[in-house]
Amino acid sequence: MAQRYRITRSFQEDTQEQEIPISLEECKAYFASKSDFTYASSYTVTGNGSTMTIDGDFFLWDLNGRSIPFRHYMGDLYVAISDEAVIPKMIEVAADLRADMSEG
């Protein structure tokens, strides 16, 4: 089972240098500058003979042909760690966005 992490600024005090929360517009601009990410307004999960589509704002990271979703939701980004290779990318994204990470 994958662990879910949140990239957030909610632990930081509001300062002029950075805004709280992480805006969708900020994420779109940031991830557009990354060649290994694409934006999607839904994400489809297939497994055990069923398919489920989730609507939302997803930034899909291409990890060796697999799409790893970073989901923007209510001012935070969420990512499930299903592969150890996701951890360094998650840390990079959090650092670039001047945000913190927490489990959950």
Protein backbone atom coordinates (compact mmCIF):
# COMPACT_ATOMS: atom_id res chain seq x y z
CA MET A 1 0.00 0.00 0.00
CA ALA A 2 1.30 3.45 -0.93
CA GLN A 3 1.88 6.22 1.57
CA ARG A 4 0.32 9.58 0.76
CA TYR A 5 2.21 12.82 1.30
CA ARG A 6 1.13 16.44 1.26
CA ILE A 7 3.24 19.32 -0.01
CA THR A 8 1.98 22.37 1.87
CA ARG A 9 2.82 25.80 3.18
CA SER A 10 0.31 25.57 6.00
CA PHE A 11 3.08 25.07 8.58
CA GLN A 12 4.76 28.35 7.64
CA GLU A 13 3.95 31.83 8.80
CA ASP A 14 2.54 34.10 6.14
CA THR A 15 5.30 36.32 4.71
CA GLN A 16 5.52 38.66 1.76
CA GLU A 17 8.05 36.42 -0.02
CA GLN A 18 5.64 33.52 -0.38
CA GLU A 19 1.95 33.07 -0.51
CA ILE A 20 -0.10 30.61 1.43
CA PRO A 21 -1.66 28.43 0.02
CA ILE A 22 -0.02 26.97 -3.10
CA SER A 23 -2.22 28.27 -5.92
CA LEU A 24 -3.31 26.29 -8.94
CA GLU A 25 -1.94 29.04 -11.19
CA GLU A 26 1.45 28.79 -9.46
CA CYS A 27 1.46 25.00 -9.95
CA LYS A 28 0.51 25.31 -13.62
CA ALA A 29 3.37 27.76 -14.23
CA TYR A 30 5.87 25.67 -12.24
CA PHE A 31 5.03 22.30 -13.79
CA ALA A 32 4.82 23.80 -17.32
CA SER A 33 8.54 24.52 -16.97
CA LYS A 34 9.24 20.82 -16.28
CA SER A 35 9.50 18.64 -19.39
CA ASP A 36 8.69 15.44 -17.51
CA PHE A 37 5.30 16.71 -16.19
CA THR A 38 1.98 17.13 -17.99
CA TYR A 39 -1.29 18.63 -16.75
CA ALA A 40 -4.55 16.65 -16.74
CA SER A 41 -8.04 17.56 -15.53
CA SER A 42 -8.69 13.94 -14.56
CA TYR A 43 -6.74 10.83 -13.64
CA THR A 44 -7.81 7.30 -14.50
CA VAL A 45 -6.87 4.33 -12.32
CA THR A 46 -7.27 0.79 -13.63
CA GLY A 47 -6.91 -2.34 -11.56
CA ASN A 48 -8.55 -5.63 -10.66
CA GLY A 49 -10.96 -5.48 -13.58
CA SER A 50 -12.31 -2.01 -12.83
CA THR A 51 -11.58 1.53 -13.91
CA MET A 52 -12.11 4.73 -11.95
CA THR A 53 -11.68 8.29 -13.22
CA ILE A 54 -11.07 11.08 -10.72
CA ASP A 55 -11.72 14.68 -11.76
CA GLY A 56 -9.35 17.32 -10.45
CA ASP A 57 -6.10 19.10 -11.19
CA PHE A 58 -3.29 16.61 -11.75
CA PHE A 59 0.32 17.13 -12.71
CA LEU A 60 1.49 13.78 -14.04
CA TRP A 61 5.16 12.94 -13.68
CA ASP A 62 6.53 10.47 -16.21
CA LEU A 63 8.57 7.86 -14.33
CA ASN A 64 9.89 5.36 -16.87
CA GLY A 65 6.60 5.24 -18.76
CA ARG A 66 4.37 5.31 -15.66
CA SER A 67 2.34 8.38 -14.69
CA ILE A 68 2.77 9.46 -11.07
CA PRO A 69 0.03 11.97 -10.15
CA PHE A 70 0.74 15.06 -8.09
CA ARG A 71 -2.76 16.35 -7.31
CA HIS A 72 -3.50 19.97 -6.47
CA TYR A 73 -6.35 20.16 -3.97
CA MET A 74 -7.38 23.08 -1.77
CA GLY A 75 -4.00 24.82 -1.81
CA ASP A 76 -1.82 21.75 -1.35
CA LEU A 77 -0.26 19.07 -3.55
CA TYR A 78 -0.75 15.38 -2.78
CA VAL A 79 1.32 12.47 -4.02
CA ALA A 80 1.27 8.75 -3.20
CA ILE A 81 4.64 7.09 -2.79
CA SER A 82 4.31 3.78 -4.60
CA ASP A 83 7.97 3.68 -5.68
CA GLU A 84 11.09 4.89 -3.85
CA ALA A 85 12.05 6.93 -6.94
CA VAL A 86 9.16 9.30 -6.23
CA ILE A 87 10.70 10.54 -2.97
CA PRO A 88 13.54 12.64 -4.47
CA LYS A 89 11.12 14.20 -7.00
CA MET A 90 8.66 15.03 -4.21
CA ILE A 91 11.47 16.66 -2.19
CA GLU A 92 12.56 18.65 -5.27
CA VAL A 93 9.03 19.91 -5.93
CA ALA A 94 8.53 20.90 -2.29
CA ALA A 95 11.84 22.77 -2.20
CA ASP A 96 11.13 24.59 -5.47
CA LEU A 97 7.71 25.67 -4.18
CA ARG A 98 9.19 26.71 -0.78
CA ALA A 99 6.85 24.29 0.95
CA ASP A 100 6.99 21.54 3.57
CA MET A 101 6.02 17.88 3.37
CA SER A 102 3.89 15.87 5.74
CA GLU A 103 2.45 12.39 5.70
CA GLY A 104 -1.26 12.21 5.08
